[in-house]
Amino acid sequence: MNKTHVMRGLILKDWYGLRSYLVRQVGLVLAMYVVLGFVLKSMSMLPAMMVMVTMMGMLSAFSLDDMCQWNGYACTMNITARQLARARYALYYGALALMMLVSCAVASVLEMLLFSGGQSSAELFLAGFGGGVAVMLIYSLMVAVDIPLFYKLGVEKARLPMTLTFVIPFIAIFPTISYWGPWLEGLDYDAVPWVLAAAAVLALVALCVYISYRVSVNILENKEF
């Protein structure tokens, strides 16, 4: 069986099951936060919320698989655990990246048209794109934790651990800001090697995603359906 066709088929299987739900949810959140952006005179929160709702919507793929016992059925065909996991990760991170780019573009255009305040288009776009990338990296780490949990525990049992992956980082932000705040205020930002720092962060996230993928493959290979 052609590996490319298998991957495409697995991704399309998930997409056909999720597209109506995702379109409704994304449309609703987009409309709500565009209106809120008009009220607050800032569209900066739009990319973060759009990426978050996409990530939450993608979790429904696991519910659909459990409901129709897909993984057990896939084991009867010439589909490997590696292909199952790879397709799910490709769909997840591809959807997050696409939504980040689209929402950053929408937010930047609306900022330029409505709230530029003398700022150049390039500055607004770079600020919006940088914020969107930062948000996606954070959510990428959350997804890297959540996917193996769903494969290992199932949808229902993994809900509490998944919720903790959302709550704990946000709770940890406040004491971190309080502790590092004075140091950050005195930091010479012009002296920071931003390219090197960004490369290090990207490498760390990529490593976490790869480890998550390997763990998911191992879980699927050893799981009895």
C-alpha atoms as a PDB file:
ATOM      1  CA  MET A   1       0.000   0.000   0.000  1.00  0.00           C
ATOM      2  CA  ASN A   2       1.425   3.385  -1.021  1.00  0.00           C
ATOM      3  CA  LYS A   3       2.574   5.246   2.113  1.00  0.00           C
ATOM      4  CA  THR A   4       1.690   8.641   0.669  1.00  0.00           C
ATOM      5  CA  HIS A   5      -1.844   7.487  -0.113  1.00  0.00           C
ATOM      6  CA  VAL A   6      -2.207   6.037   3.396  1.00  0.00           C
ATOM      7  CA  MET A   7      -1.114   9.297   5.034  1.00  0.00           C
ATOM      8  CA  ARG A   8      -3.390  11.358   2.823  1.00  0.00           C
ATOM      9  CA  GLY A   9      -6.292   9.013   3.487  1.00  0.00           C
ATOM     10  CA  LEU A  10      -5.787   9.130   7.265  1.00  0.00           C
ATOM     11  CA  ILE A  11      -5.589  12.927   7.284  1.00  0.00           C
ATOM     12  CA  LEU A  12      -8.677  13.249   5.076  1.00  0.00           C
ATOM     13  CA  LYS A  13     -10.547  10.789   7.305  1.00  0.00           C
ATOM     14  CA  ASP A  14     -10.021  13.081  10.298  1.00  0.00           C
ATOM     15  CA  TRP A  15     -10.695  16.246   8.319  1.00  0.00           C
ATOM     16  CA  TYR A  16     -14.018  15.016   6.902  1.00  0.00           C
ATOM     17  CA  GLY A  17     -15.146  14.108  10.413  1.00  0.00           C
ATOM     18  CA  LEU A  18     -14.141  17.459  11.908  1.00  0.00           C
ATOM     19  CA  ARG A  19     -14.644  20.078   9.215  1.00  0.00           C
ATOM     20  CA  SER A  20     -18.280  21.026   9.931  1.00  0.00           C
ATOM     21  CA  TYR A  21     -17.607  21.324  13.671  1.00  0.00           C
ATOM     22  CA  LEU A  22     -14.374  23.267  13.164  1.00  0.00           C
ATOM     23  CA  VAL A  23     -15.906  25.658  10.641  1.00  0.00           C
ATOM     24  CA  ARG A  24     -18.754  26.479  13.031  1.00  0.00           C
ATOM     25  CA  GLN A  25     -16.499  26.896  16.055  1.00  0.00           C
ATOM     26  CA  VAL A  26     -13.852  28.913  14.241  1.00  0.00           C
ATOM     27  CA  GLY A  27     -16.494  31.134  12.636  1.00  0.00           C
ATOM     28  CA  LEU A  28     -18.184  31.782  15.980  1.00  0.00           C
ATOM     29  CA  VAL A  29     -14.944  32.599  17.803  1.00  0.00           C
ATOM     30  CA  LEU A  30     -13.706  34.744  14.907  1.00  0.00           C
ATOM     31  CA  ALA A  31     -16.886  36.828  14.919  1.00  0.00           C
ATOM     32  CA  MET A  32     -16.864  37.155  18.715  1.00  0.00           C
ATOM     33  CA  TYR A  33     -13.249  38.268  19.011  1.00  0.00           C
ATOM     34  CA  VAL A  34     -13.404  40.615  16.035  1.00  0.00           C
ATOM     35  CA  VAL A  35     -16.286  42.402  17.781  1.00  0.00           C
ATOM     36  CA  LEU A  36     -14.350  42.355  21.058  1.00  0.00           C
ATOM     37  CA  GLY A  37     -11.308  43.696  19.222  1.00  0.00           C
ATOM     38  CA  PHE A  38     -13.343  46.649  17.983  1.00  0.00           C
ATOM     39  CA  VAL A  39     -14.431  47.384  21.553  1.00  0.00           C
ATOM     40  CA  LEU A  40     -10.876  47.119  22.944  1.00  0.00           C
ATOM     41  CA  LYS A  41      -9.335  48.755  19.856  1.00  0.00           C
ATOM     42  CA  SER A  42      -6.860  45.908  19.503  1.00  0.00           C
ATOM     43  CA  MET A  43      -6.857  42.627  17.591  1.00  0.00           C
ATOM     44  CA  SER A  44      -3.832  41.233  19.426  1.00  0.00           C
ATOM     45  CA  MET A  45      -5.803  38.483  21.184  1.00  0.00           C
ATOM     46  CA  LEU A  46      -7.346  37.115  17.973  1.00  0.00           C
ATOM     47  CA  PRO A  47      -4.481  34.756  16.925  1.00  0.00           C
ATOM     48  CA  ALA A  48      -4.207  33.237  20.407  1.00  0.00           C
ATOM     49  CA  MET A  49      -7.915  32.497  20.647  1.00  0.00           C
ATOM     50  CA  MET A  50      -8.168  31.158  17.102  1.00  0.00           C
ATOM     51  CA  VAL A  51      -5.248  28.776  17.643  1.00  0.00           C
ATOM     52  CA  MET A  52      -6.736  27.653  20.961  1.00  0.00           C
ATOM     53  CA  VAL A  53     -10.173  26.883  19.520  1.00  0.00           C
ATOM     54  CA  THR A  54      -8.535  24.976  16.660  1.00  0.00           C
ATOM     55  CA  MET A  55      -6.509  22.904  19.106  1.00  0.00           C
ATOM     56  CA  MET A  56      -9.583  22.138  21.219  1.00  0.00           C
ATOM     57  CA  GLY A  57     -11.592  21.247  18.132  1.00  0.00           C
ATOM     58  CA  MET A  58      -8.933  18.839  16.932  1.00  0.00           C
ATOM     59  CA  LEU A  59      -9.325  16.855  20.166  1.00  0.00           C
ATOM     60  CA  SER A  60     -12.680  15.704  18.807  1.00  0.00           C
ATOM     61  CA  ALA A  61     -10.766  13.471  16.397  1.00  0.00           C
ATOM     62  CA  PHE A  62      -9.961  11.184  19.324  1.00  0.00           C
ATOM     63  CA  SER A  63     -13.616  11.083  20.378  1.00  0.00           C
ATOM     64  CA  LEU A  64     -14.638  10.100  16.857  1.00  0.00           C
ATOM     65  CA  ASP A  65     -11.989   7.370  16.764  1.00  0.00           C
ATOM     66  CA  ASP A  66     -13.180   5.943  20.090  1.00  0.00           C
ATOM     67  CA  MET A  67     -16.823   6.107  19.060  1.00  0.00           C
ATOM     68  CA  CYS A  68     -16.288   4.111  15.854  1.00  0.00           C
ATOM     69  CA  GLN A  69     -13.413   1.998  17.271  1.00  0.00           C
ATOM     70  CA  TRP A  70     -11.216   3.194  14.447  1.00  0.00           C
ATOM     71  CA  ASN A  71      -7.808   2.168  15.820  1.00  0.00           C
ATOM     72  CA  GLY A  72      -8.931  -1.430  16.276  1.00  0.00           C
ATOM     73  CA  TYR A  73     -10.306  -1.481  12.732  1.00  0.00           C
ATOM     74  CA  ALA A  74      -7.095   0.055  11.355  1.00  0.00           C
ATOM     75  CA  CYS A  75      -5.082  -2.766  12.925  1.00  0.00           C
ATOM     76  CA  THR A  76      -6.898  -5.239  10.653  1.00  0.00           C
ATOM     77  CA  MET A  77      -5.565  -3.414   7.594  1.00  0.00           C
ATOM     78  CA  ASN A  78      -2.058  -2.753   6.361  1.00  0.00           C
ATOM     79  CA  ILE A  79      -1.753   0.424   8.464  1.00  0.00           C
ATOM     80  CA  THR A  80       1.034   0.720  11.020  1.00  0.00           C
ATOM     81  CA  ALA A  81       1.042   2.480  14.381  1.00  0.00           C
ATOM     82  CA  ARG A  82       3.685   4.825  13.002  1.00  0.00           C
ATOM     83  CA  GLN A  83       1.378   5.875  10.157  1.00  0.00           C
ATOM     84  CA  LEU A  84      -1.578   6.401  12.504  1.00  0.00           C
ATOM     85  CA  ALA A  85       0.453   8.610  14.827  1.00  0.00           C
ATOM     86  CA  ARG A  86       2.221  10.471  12.025  1.00  0.00           C
ATOM     87  CA  ALA A  87      -1.053  11.364  10.313  1.00  0.00           C
ATOM     88  CA  ARG A  88      -2.582  12.629  13.555  1.00  0.00           C
ATOM     89  CA  TYR A  89       0.460  14.782  14.361  1.00  0.00           C
ATOM     90  CA  ALA A  90       0.587  16.118  10.799  1.00  0.00           C
ATOM     91  CA  LEU A  91      -3.082  17.078  10.933  1.00  0.00           C
ATOM     92  CA  TYR A  92      -2.782  18.631  14.387  1.00  0.00           C
ATOM     93  CA  TYR A  93       0.285  20.758  13.787  1.00  0.00           C
ATOM     94  CA  GLY A  94      -0.662  21.550  10.211  1.00  0.00           C
ATOM     95  CA  ALA A  95      -4.039  22.881  11.354  1.00  0.00           C
ATOM     96  CA  LEU A  96      -2.421  24.928  14.139  1.00  0.00           C
ATOM     97  CA  ALA A  97       0.158  26.432  11.762  1.00  0.00           C
ATOM     98  CA  LEU A  98      -2.459  27.259   9.124  1.00  0.00           C
ATOM     99  CA  MET A  99      -4.783  28.858  11.667  1.00  0.00           C
ATOM    100  CA  MET A 100      -1.903  30.844  13.166  1.00  0.00           C
ATOM    101  CA  LEU A 101      -0.943  32.250   9.759  1.00  0.00           C
ATOM    102  CA  VAL A 102      -4.525  33.061   8.742  1.00  0.00           C
ATOM    103  CA  SER A 103      -5.469  34.646  12.079  1.00  0.00           C
ATOM    104  CA  CYS A 104      -2.234  36.685  12.186  1.00  0.00           C
ATOM    105  CA  ALA A 105      -2.929  37.955   8.675  1.00  0.00           C
ATOM    106  CA  VAL A 106      -6.541  38.870   9.558  1.00  0.00           C
ATOM    107  CA  ALA A 107      -5.495  40.541  12.828  1.00  0.00           C
ATOM    108  CA  SER A 108      -2.683  42.482  11.122  1.00  0.00           C
ATOM    109  CA  VAL A 109      -4.934  43.728   8.314  1.00  0.00           C
ATOM    110  CA  LEU A 110      -7.620  44.857  10.764  1.00  0.00           C
ATOM    111  CA  GLU A 111      -5.000  46.561  12.951  1.00  0.00           C
ATOM    112  CA  MET A 112      -3.564  48.403   9.937  1.00  0.00           C
ATOM    113  CA  LEU A 113      -6.967  49.519   8.692  1.00  0.00           C
ATOM    114  CA  LEU A 114      -8.494  50.512  12.018  1.00  0.00           C
ATOM    115  CA  PHE A 115      -5.973  51.043  14.811  1.00  0.00           C
ATOM    116  CA  SER A 116      -2.593  51.751  13.210  1.00  0.00           C
ATOM    117  CA  GLY A 117      -1.991  54.955  15.211  1.00  0.00           C
ATOM    118  CA  GLY A 118       0.907  55.980  12.998  1.00  0.00           C
ATOM    119  CA  GLN A 119       2.695  52.615  13.150  1.00  0.00           C
ATOM    120  CA  SER A 120       4.024  51.196   9.901  1.00  0.00           C
ATOM    121  CA  SER A 121       2.402  48.183   8.283  1.00  0.00           C
ATOM    122  CA  ALA A 122       5.617  46.180   8.678  1.00  0.00           C
ATOM    123  CA  GLU A 123       5.779  46.862  12.424  1.00  0.00           C
ATOM    124  CA  LEU A 124       2.163  45.815  12.931  1.00  0.00           C
ATOM    125  CA  PHE A 125       2.592  42.654  10.874  1.00  0.00           C
ATOM    126  CA  LEU A 126       5.828  41.622  12.613  1.00  0.00           C
ATOM    127  CA  ALA A 127       4.318  42.261  16.044  1.00  0.00           C
ATOM    128  CA  GLY A 128       1.225  40.226  15.200  1.00  0.00           C
ATOM    129  CA  PHE A 129       3.201  37.435  13.554  1.00  0.00           C
ATOM    130  CA  GLY A 130       5.672  37.254  16.450  1.00  0.00           C
ATOM    131  CA  GLY A 131       2.844  37.020  18.955  1.00  0.00           C
ATOM    132  CA  GLY A 132       1.130  34.339  16.887  1.00  0.00           C
ATOM    133  CA  VAL A 133       4.301  32.245  16.659  1.00  0.00           C
ATOM    134  CA  ALA A 134       4.856  32.535  20.426  1.00  0.00           C
ATOM    135  CA  VAL A 135       1.294  31.381  21.100  1.00  0.00           C
ATOM    136  CA  MET A 136       1.624  28.475  18.683  1.00  0.00           C
ATOM    137  CA  LEU A 137       4.852  27.318  20.330  1.00  0.00           C
ATOM    138  CA  ILE A 138       3.140  27.266  23.729  1.00  0.00           C
ATOM    139  CA  TYR A 139       0.167  25.324  22.373  1.00  0.00           C
ATOM    140  CA  SER A 140       2.523  22.981  20.512  1.00  0.00           C
ATOM    141  CA  LEU A 141       4.022  21.925  23.833  1.00  0.00           C
ATOM    142  CA  MET A 142       0.536  21.364  25.266  1.00  0.00           C
ATOM    143  CA  VAL A 143      -0.430  19.221  22.273  1.00  0.00           C
ATOM    144  CA  ALA A 144       2.811  17.250  22.633  1.00  0.00           C
ATOM    145  CA  VAL A 145       1.672  16.281  26.137  1.00  0.00           C
ATOM    146  CA  ASP A 146      -2.001  15.739  25.291  1.00  0.00           C
ATOM    147  CA  ILE A 147      -1.765  13.390  22.287  1.00  0.00           C
ATOM    148  CA  PRO A 148       0.083  10.570  24.112  1.00  0.00           C
ATOM    149  CA  LEU A 149      -2.354  10.960  27.028  1.00  0.00           C
ATOM    150  CA  PHE A 150      -5.320  10.440  24.714  1.00  0.00           C
ATOM    151  CA  TYR A 151      -3.713   7.401  23.119  1.00  0.00           C
ATOM    152  CA  LYS A 152      -2.799   5.918  26.497  1.00  0.00           C
ATOM    153  CA  LEU A 153      -5.870   6.729  28.620  1.00  0.00           C
ATOM    154  CA  GLY A 154      -8.656   7.272  26.114  1.00  0.00           C
ATOM    155  CA  VAL A 155     -10.814  10.357  25.743  1.00  0.00           C
ATOM    156  CA  GLU A 156     -12.726  10.280  29.026  1.00  0.00           C
ATOM    157  CA  LYS A 157      -9.854   9.408  31.359  1.00  0.00           C
ATOM    158  CA  ALA A 158      -7.517  11.919  29.701  1.00  0.00           C
ATOM    159  CA  ARG A 159      -9.817  14.917  30.173  1.00  0.00           C
ATOM    160  CA  LEU A 160      -8.511  15.837  33.634  1.00  0.00           C
ATOM    161  CA  PRO A 161      -4.796  15.552  32.723  1.00  0.00           C
ATOM    162  CA  MET A 162      -5.510  17.517  29.543  1.00  0.00           C
ATOM    163  CA  THR A 163      -7.209  20.265  31.564  1.00  0.00           C
ATOM    164  CA  LEU A 164      -4.165  20.433  33.836  1.00  0.00           C
ATOM    165  CA  THR A 165      -1.915  21.015  30.825  1.00  0.00           C
ATOM    166  CA  PHE A 166      -3.929  24.187  30.210  1.00  0.00           C
ATOM    167  CA  VAL A 167      -4.290  25.352  33.800  1.00  0.00           C
ATOM    168  CA  ILE A 168      -0.812  24.719  35.218  1.00  0.00           C
ATOM    169  CA  PRO A 169       1.139  26.870  32.682  1.00  0.00           C
ATOM    170  CA  PHE A 170      -1.180  29.838  33.216  1.00  0.00           C
ATOM    171  CA  ILE A 171      -0.973  29.497  37.007  1.00  0.00           C
ATOM    172  CA  ALA A 172       2.815  29.292  36.767  1.00  0.00           C
ATOM    173  CA  ILE A 173       3.011  32.504  34.729  1.00  0.00           C
ATOM    174  CA  PHE A 174       2.106  34.833  37.601  1.00  0.00           C
ATOM    175  CA  PRO A 175       4.809  33.831  40.136  1.00  0.00           C
ATOM    176  CA  THR A 176       7.299  33.642  37.268  1.00  0.00           C
ATOM    177  CA  ILE A 177       6.515  37.212  36.234  1.00  0.00           C
ATOM    178  CA  SER A 178       6.749  38.394  39.850  1.00  0.00           C
ATOM    179  CA  TYR A 179      10.126  36.697  40.308  1.00  0.00           C
ATOM    180  CA  TRP A 180      11.732  37.681  37.010  1.00  0.00           C
ATOM    181  CA  GLY A 181       9.968  41.033  36.593  1.00  0.00           C
ATOM    182  CA  PRO A 182      12.733  43.265  38.063  1.00  0.00           C
ATOM    183  CA  TRP A 183      15.388  41.432  36.058  1.00  0.00           C
ATOM    184  CA  LEU A 184      13.384  41.777  32.835  1.00  0.00           C
ATOM    185  CA  GLU A 185      12.877  45.506  33.411  1.00  0.00           C
ATOM    186  CA  GLY A 186      16.630  46.056  33.564  1.00  0.00           C
ATOM    187  CA  LEU A 187      17.443  43.790  30.628  1.00  0.00           C
ATOM    188  CA  ASP A 188      19.175  45.347  27.624  1.00  0.00           C
ATOM    189  CA  TYR A 189      16.956  43.933  24.897  1.00  0.00           C
ATOM    190  CA  ASP A 190      19.175  45.253  22.114  1.00  0.00           C
ATOM    191  CA  ALA A 191      22.019  43.063  23.389  1.00  0.00           C
ATOM    192  CA  VAL A 192      19.948  39.859  23.372  1.00  0.00           C
ATOM    193  CA  PRO A 193      20.846  37.496  20.473  1.00  0.00           C
ATOM    194  CA  TRP A 194      17.216  37.063  19.411  1.00  0.00           C
ATOM    195  CA  VAL A 195      17.970  34.849  16.418  1.00  0.00           C
ATOM    196  CA  LEU A 196      19.948  32.429  18.587  1.00  0.00           C
ATOM    197  CA  ALA A 197      17.279  32.503  21.307  1.00  0.00           C
ATOM    198  CA  ALA A 198      14.510  31.843  18.774  1.00  0.00           C
ATOM    199  CA  ALA A 199      16.488  28.977  17.231  1.00  0.00           C
ATOM    200  CA  ALA A 200      17.024  27.430  20.672  1.00  0.00           C
ATOM    201  CA  VAL A 201      13.309  27.661  21.509  1.00  0.00           C
ATOM    202  CA  LEU A 202      12.297  26.176  18.152  1.00  0.00           C
ATOM    203  CA  ALA A 203      14.781  23.332  18.604  1.00  0.00           C
ATOM    204  CA  LEU A 204      13.437  22.617  22.101  1.00  0.00           C
ATOM    205  CA  VAL A 205       9.823  22.551  20.891  1.00  0.00           C
ATOM    206  CA  ALA A 206      10.753  20.342  17.924  1.00  0.00           C
ATOM    207  CA  LEU A 207      12.524  17.925  20.278  1.00  0.00           C
ATOM    208  CA  CYS A 208       9.489  17.779  22.582  1.00  0.00           C
ATOM    209  CA  VAL A 209       7.173  17.098  19.633  1.00  0.00           C
ATOM    210  CA  TYR A 210       9.470  14.342  18.345  1.00  0.00           C
ATOM    211  CA  ILE A 211       9.636  12.690  21.781  1.00  0.00           C
ATOM    212  CA  SER A 212       5.848  12.946  22.025  1.00  0.00           C
ATOM    213  CA  TYR A 213       5.500  11.294  18.607  1.00  0.00           C
ATOM    214  CA  ARG A 214       7.808   8.435  19.574  1.00  0.00           C
ATOM    215  CA  VAL A 215       5.879   7.894  22.815  1.00  0.00           C
ATOM    216  CA  SER A 216       2.581   7.837  20.894  1.00  0.00           C
ATOM    217  CA  VAL A 217       3.929   5.274  18.424  1.00  0.00           C
ATOM    218  CA  ASN A 218       5.143   3.097  21.293  1.00  0.00           C
ATOM    219  CA  ILE A 219       1.728   3.315  23.001  1.00  0.00           C
ATOM    220  CA  LEU A 220      -0.117   2.348  19.817  1.00  0.00           C
ATOM    221  CA  GLU A 221       2.239  -0.542  19.081  1.00  0.00           C
ATOM    222  CA  ASN A 222       1.742  -2.037  22.547  1.00  0.00           C
ATOM    223  CA  LYS A 223      -1.955  -1.290  23.014  1.00  0.00           C
ATOM    224  CA  GLU A 224      -4.601  -3.987  22.669  1.00  0.00           C
ATOM    225  CA  PHE A 225      -7.721  -2.766  20.870  1.00  0.00           C
END
